[in-house]
Amino acid sequence: MANNTTHTTEYRVLARVLLLLMFFTFLTISVTTCHLAAFSVTVALLIASVKGFFVLTYFMHLKYESTLLRILVAMIFVLYAVIILITFIDYAFR
């Protein structure tokens, strides 16, 4: 049987999240102009992860899903972090 409970997010909240995402986009652009050497990519990936979190939470409505689904998505983020870490370790020892 389908669950007919609905949830709505106010446009005000979505607009704030959109502005926050735009801020993080401009922050990513400004990080590339700061020339942080090897940390530029790391900072850009961290900002992209934060942006992905906000998109998943608010625009894809993960905020209203079950705890199991939230845990599964969190595990994907951990896997993503491990893959990025392994990539940086491989790059460092070449």
N, C-alpha and C. Protein backbone atom coordinates (compact mmCIF):
# COMPACT_ATOMS: atom_id res chain seq x y z
N MET A 1 0.84 -1.18 0.00
CA MET A 1 0.00 0.00 0.00
C MET A 1 0.88 1.24 0.00
N ALA A 2 0.56 2.18 -0.82
CA ALA A 2 1.37 3.39 -0.97
C ALA A 2 1.17 4.34 0.20
N ASN A 3 2.23 4.99 0.55
CA ASN A 3 2.19 5.98 1.62
C ASN A 3 1.85 7.33 0.99
N ASN A 4 0.71 7.89 1.34
CA ASN A 4 0.25 9.12 0.73
C ASN A 4 0.59 10.38 1.52
N THR A 5 1.49 10.27 2.48
CA THR A 5 1.86 11.47 3.23
C THR A 5 2.69 12.36 2.32
N THR A 6 2.38 13.63 2.37
CA THR A 6 3.11 14.58 1.53
C THR A 6 3.92 15.50 2.41
N HIS A 7 4.90 16.06 1.82
CA HIS A 7 5.71 17.06 2.49
C HIS A 7 5.96 18.19 1.51
N THR A 8 6.01 19.35 2.03
CA THR A 8 6.31 20.50 1.20
C THR A 8 7.41 21.31 1.86
N THR A 9 8.24 21.85 1.04
CA THR A 9 9.28 22.74 1.51
C THR A 9 8.92 24.14 1.03
N GLU A 10 8.97 25.07 1.93
CA GLU A 10 8.60 26.44 1.57
C GLU A 10 9.56 26.99 0.53
N TYR A 11 9.03 27.83 -0.34
CA TYR A 11 9.86 28.44 -1.37
C TYR A 11 10.96 29.30 -0.77
N ARG A 12 10.68 29.86 0.39
CA ARG A 12 11.68 30.68 1.07
C ARG A 12 12.91 29.86 1.42
N VAL A 13 12.69 28.64 1.91
CA VAL A 13 13.80 27.75 2.27
C VAL A 13 14.56 27.33 1.01
N LEU A 14 13.83 26.98 -0.04
CA LEU A 14 14.48 26.59 -1.29
C LEU A 14 15.27 27.74 -1.89
N ALA A 15 14.76 28.95 -1.77
CA ALA A 15 15.49 30.12 -2.28
C ALA A 15 16.77 30.34 -1.48
N ARG A 16 16.70 30.16 -0.18
CA ARG A 16 17.92 30.30 0.65
C ARG A 16 18.96 29.26 0.28
N VAL A 17 18.51 28.04 0.07
CA VAL A 17 19.44 26.97 -0.32
C VAL A 17 20.04 27.28 -1.68
N LEU A 18 19.23 27.78 -2.60
CA LEU A 18 19.74 28.16 -3.91
C LEU A 18 20.81 29.25 -3.80
N LEU A 19 20.55 30.25 -2.98
CA LEU A 19 21.54 31.31 -2.77
C LEU A 19 22.81 30.76 -2.14
N LEU A 20 22.66 29.82 -1.22
CA LEU A 20 23.81 29.18 -0.60
C LEU A 20 24.62 28.39 -1.62
N LEU A 21 23.93 27.68 -2.51
CA LEU A 21 24.62 26.94 -3.57
C LEU A 21 25.35 27.89 -4.51
N MET A 22 24.75 29.02 -4.82
CA MET A 22 25.40 30.00 -5.68
C MET A 22 26.64 30.59 -4.99
N PHE A 23 26.54 30.82 -3.68
CA PHE A 23 27.68 31.31 -2.92
C PHE A 23 28.83 30.30 -2.98
N PHE A 24 28.50 29.01 -2.78
CA PHE A 24 29.55 27.99 -2.83
C PHE A 24 30.14 27.86 -4.23
N THR A 25 29.35 28.10 -5.25
CA THR A 25 29.87 28.08 -6.62
C THR A 25 30.88 29.21 -6.82
N PHE A 26 30.54 30.40 -6.38
CA PHE A 26 31.48 31.52 -6.49
C PHE A 26 32.71 31.30 -5.60
N LEU A 27 32.52 30.64 -4.46
CA LEU A 27 33.65 30.31 -3.61
C LEU A 27 34.59 29.33 -4.32
N THR A 28 34.04 28.37 -5.01
CA THR A 28 34.86 27.42 -5.77
C THR A 28 35.65 28.14 -6.85
N ILE A 29 35.02 29.07 -7.53
CA ILE A 29 35.71 29.84 -8.57
C ILE A 29 36.83 30.67 -7.96
N SER A 30 36.57 31.29 -6.82
CA SER A 30 37.61 32.12 -6.19
C SER A 30 38.75 31.28 -5.63
N VAL A 31 38.48 30.04 -5.23
CA VAL A 31 39.54 29.17 -4.74
C VAL A 31 40.53 28.86 -5.87
N THR A 32 40.02 28.71 -7.08
CA THR A 32 40.92 28.41 -8.20
C THR A 32 41.83 29.59 -8.54
N THR A 33 41.43 30.79 -8.18
CA THR A 33 42.27 31.95 -8.46
C THR A 33 43.27 32.23 -7.34
N CYS A 34 43.13 31.55 -6.19
CA CYS A 34 44.03 31.79 -5.06
C CYS A 34 45.35 31.03 -5.17
N HIS A 35 45.43 30.06 -6.06
CA HIS A 35 46.65 29.26 -6.26
C HIS A 35 47.11 28.61 -4.96
N LEU A 36 46.32 27.71 -4.44
CA LEU A 36 46.65 27.01 -3.21
C LEU A 36 47.47 25.75 -3.46
N ALA A 37 48.06 25.66 -4.62
CA ALA A 37 48.88 24.51 -5.03
C ALA A 37 48.06 23.23 -5.00
N ALA A 38 48.53 22.23 -4.27
CA ALA A 38 47.84 20.93 -4.25
C ALA A 38 46.52 20.99 -3.50
N PHE A 39 46.34 21.99 -2.67
CA PHE A 39 45.11 22.08 -1.88
C PHE A 39 43.94 22.65 -2.67
N SER A 40 44.19 23.21 -3.83
CA SER A 40 43.09 23.75 -4.64
C SER A 40 42.07 22.68 -4.99
N VAL A 41 42.55 21.53 -5.42
CA VAL A 41 41.65 20.44 -5.78
C VAL A 41 40.94 19.92 -4.54
N THR A 42 41.65 19.80 -3.44
CA THR A 42 41.04 19.31 -2.20
C THR A 42 39.92 20.23 -1.73
N VAL A 43 40.18 21.52 -1.72
CA VAL A 43 39.17 22.49 -1.28
C VAL A 43 37.98 22.48 -2.24
N ALA A 44 38.26 22.40 -3.54
CA ALA A 44 37.17 22.38 -4.53
C ALA A 44 36.31 21.12 -4.35
N LEU A 45 36.92 19.98 -4.07
CA LEU A 45 36.15 18.75 -3.84
C LEU A 45 35.34 18.82 -2.54
N LEU A 46 35.89 19.44 -1.52
CA LEU A 46 35.14 19.60 -0.27
C LEU A 46 33.93 20.50 -0.48
N ILE A 47 34.13 21.58 -1.21
CA ILE A 47 33.00 22.48 -1.48
C ILE A 47 31.95 21.77 -2.33
N ALA A 48 32.39 20.99 -3.30
CA ALA A 48 31.45 20.24 -4.14
C ALA A 48 30.68 19.21 -3.31
N SER A 49 31.33 18.61 -2.33
CA SER A 49 30.64 17.66 -1.45
C SER A 49 29.57 18.35 -0.61
N VAL A 50 29.89 19.53 -0.11
CA VAL A 50 28.91 20.29 0.68
C VAL A 50 27.73 20.68 -0.20
N LYS A 51 28.02 21.11 -1.42
CA LYS A 51 26.94 21.46 -2.35
C LYS A 51 26.08 20.24 -2.65
N GLY A 52 26.70 19.09 -2.85
CA GLY A 52 25.95 17.86 -3.09
C GLY A 52 25.07 17.49 -1.92
N PHE A 53 25.57 17.73 -0.71
CA PHE A 53 24.77 17.46 0.49
C PHE A 53 23.50 18.32 0.50
N PHE A 54 23.64 19.60 0.19
CA PHE A 54 22.47 20.48 0.18
C PHE A 54 21.48 20.10 -0.91
N VAL A 55 21.98 19.73 -2.07
CA VAL A 55 21.09 19.31 -3.15
C VAL A 55 20.33 18.05 -2.75
N LEU A 56 21.05 17.08 -2.18
CA LEU A 56 20.39 15.85 -1.75
C LEU A 56 19.37 16.11 -0.65
N THR A 57 19.73 16.95 0.30
CA THR A 57 18.87 17.18 1.45
C THR A 57 17.60 17.93 1.08
N TYR A 58 17.73 19.01 0.34
CA TYR A 58 16.58 19.87 0.11
C TYR A 58 15.89 19.65 -1.23
N PHE A 59 16.66 19.60 -2.30
CA PHE A 59 16.03 19.50 -3.62
C PHE A 59 15.61 18.07 -3.96
N MET A 60 16.31 17.08 -3.40
CA MET A 60 15.93 15.68 -3.64
C MET A 60 15.17 15.10 -2.45
N HIS A 61 14.85 15.94 -1.48
CA HIS A 61 13.98 15.62 -0.34
C HIS A 61 14.48 14.46 0.51
N LEU A 62 15.79 14.29 0.61
CA LEU A 62 16.33 13.25 1.48
C LEU A 62 16.01 13.54 2.94
N LYS A 63 15.77 14.77 3.24
CA LYS A 63 15.43 15.19 4.60
C LYS A 63 14.18 14.47 5.11
N TYR A 64 13.29 14.10 4.20
CA TYR A 64 12.02 13.51 4.59
C TYR A 64 11.99 11.99 4.41
N GLU A 65 13.11 11.37 4.06
CA GLU A 65 13.14 9.93 3.81
C GLU A 65 13.42 9.17 5.10
N SER A 66 13.34 7.86 4.99
CA SER A 66 13.55 7.00 6.16
C SER A 66 15.02 7.02 6.59
N THR A 67 15.25 6.58 7.80
CA THR A 67 16.60 6.55 8.34
C THR A 67 17.48 5.59 7.54
N LEU A 68 16.93 4.49 7.10
CA LEU A 68 17.71 3.52 6.33
C LEU A 68 18.25 4.15 5.05
N LEU A 69 17.42 4.88 4.34
CA LEU A 69 17.87 5.52 3.11
C LEU A 69 18.92 6.58 3.41
N ARG A 70 18.77 7.30 4.49
CA ARG A 70 19.77 8.30 4.87
C ARG A 70 21.12 7.64 5.16
N ILE A 71 21.08 6.50 5.85
CA ILE A 71 22.31 5.77 6.15
C ILE A 71 22.97 5.28 4.87
N LEU A 72 22.18 4.78 3.93
CA LEU A 72 22.72 4.30 2.66
C LEU A 72 23.39 5.44 1.89
N VAL A 73 22.78 6.60 1.87
CA VAL A 73 23.37 7.75 1.18
C VAL A 73 24.65 8.19 1.90
N ALA A 74 24.64 8.16 3.22
CA ALA A 74 25.84 8.51 3.98
C ALA A 74 26.98 7.53 3.67
N MET A 75 26.65 6.26 3.51
CA MET A 75 27.67 5.27 3.16
C MET A 75 28.25 5.54 1.77
N ILE A 76 27.44 6.04 0.87
CA ILE A 76 27.94 6.40 -0.46
C ILE A 76 28.91 7.57 -0.35
N PHE A 77 28.61 8.54 0.52
CA PHE A 77 29.53 9.65 0.74
C PHE A 77 30.85 9.15 1.32
N VAL A 78 30.79 8.20 2.23
CA VAL A 78 32.02 7.63 2.80
C VAL A 78 32.81 6.92 1.71
N LEU A 79 32.14 6.15 0.88
CA LEU A 79 32.81 5.48 -0.23
C LEU A 79 33.46 6.50 -1.17
N TYR A 80 32.74 7.57 -1.46
CA TYR A 80 33.28 8.65 -2.29
C TYR A 80 34.56 9.22 -1.66
N ALA A 81 34.52 9.47 -0.37
CA ALA A 81 35.69 10.03 0.33
C ALA A 81 36.86 9.06 0.28
N VAL A 82 36.60 7.78 0.44
CA VAL A 82 37.67 6.77 0.40
C VAL A 82 38.29 6.72 -0.99
N ILE A 83 37.47 6.75 -2.02
CA ILE A 83 38.00 6.72 -3.39
C ILE A 83 38.85 7.95 -3.68
N ILE A 84 38.40 9.11 -3.24
CA ILE A 84 39.19 10.34 -3.43
C ILE A 84 40.49 10.25 -2.64
N LEU A 85 40.44 9.74 -1.42
CA LEU A 85 41.64 9.59 -0.60
C LEU A 85 42.63 8.64 -1.26
N ILE A 86 42.16 7.52 -1.77
CA ILE A 86 43.04 6.57 -2.46
C ILE A 86 43.66 7.22 -3.69
N THR A 87 42.88 8.02 -4.41
CA THR A 87 43.41 8.71 -5.58
C THR A 87 44.52 9.67 -5.20
N PHE A 88 44.33 10.43 -4.12
CA PHE A 88 45.37 11.37 -3.69
C PHE A 88 46.61 10.64 -3.20
N ILE A 89 46.43 9.52 -2.51
CA ILE A 89 47.58 8.74 -2.05
C ILE A 89 48.35 8.20 -3.25
N ASP A 90 47.63 7.70 -4.25
CA ASP A 90 48.29 7.20 -5.46
C ASP A 90 49.05 8.32 -6.15
N TYR A 91 48.46 9.49 -6.23
CA TYR A 91 49.11 10.63 -6.87
C TYR A 91 50.34 11.06 -6.10
N ALA A 92 50.29 11.01 -4.78
CA ALA A 92 51.41 11.45 -3.94
C ALA A 92 52.62 10.55 -4.06
N PHE A 93 52.42 9.26 -4.31
CA PHE A 93 53.54 8.33 -4.34
C PHE A 93 53.98 7.97 -5.77
N ARG A 94 53.65 8.79 -6.73
CA ARG A 94 54.14 8.55 -8.11
C ARG A 94 55.46 9.19 -8.31
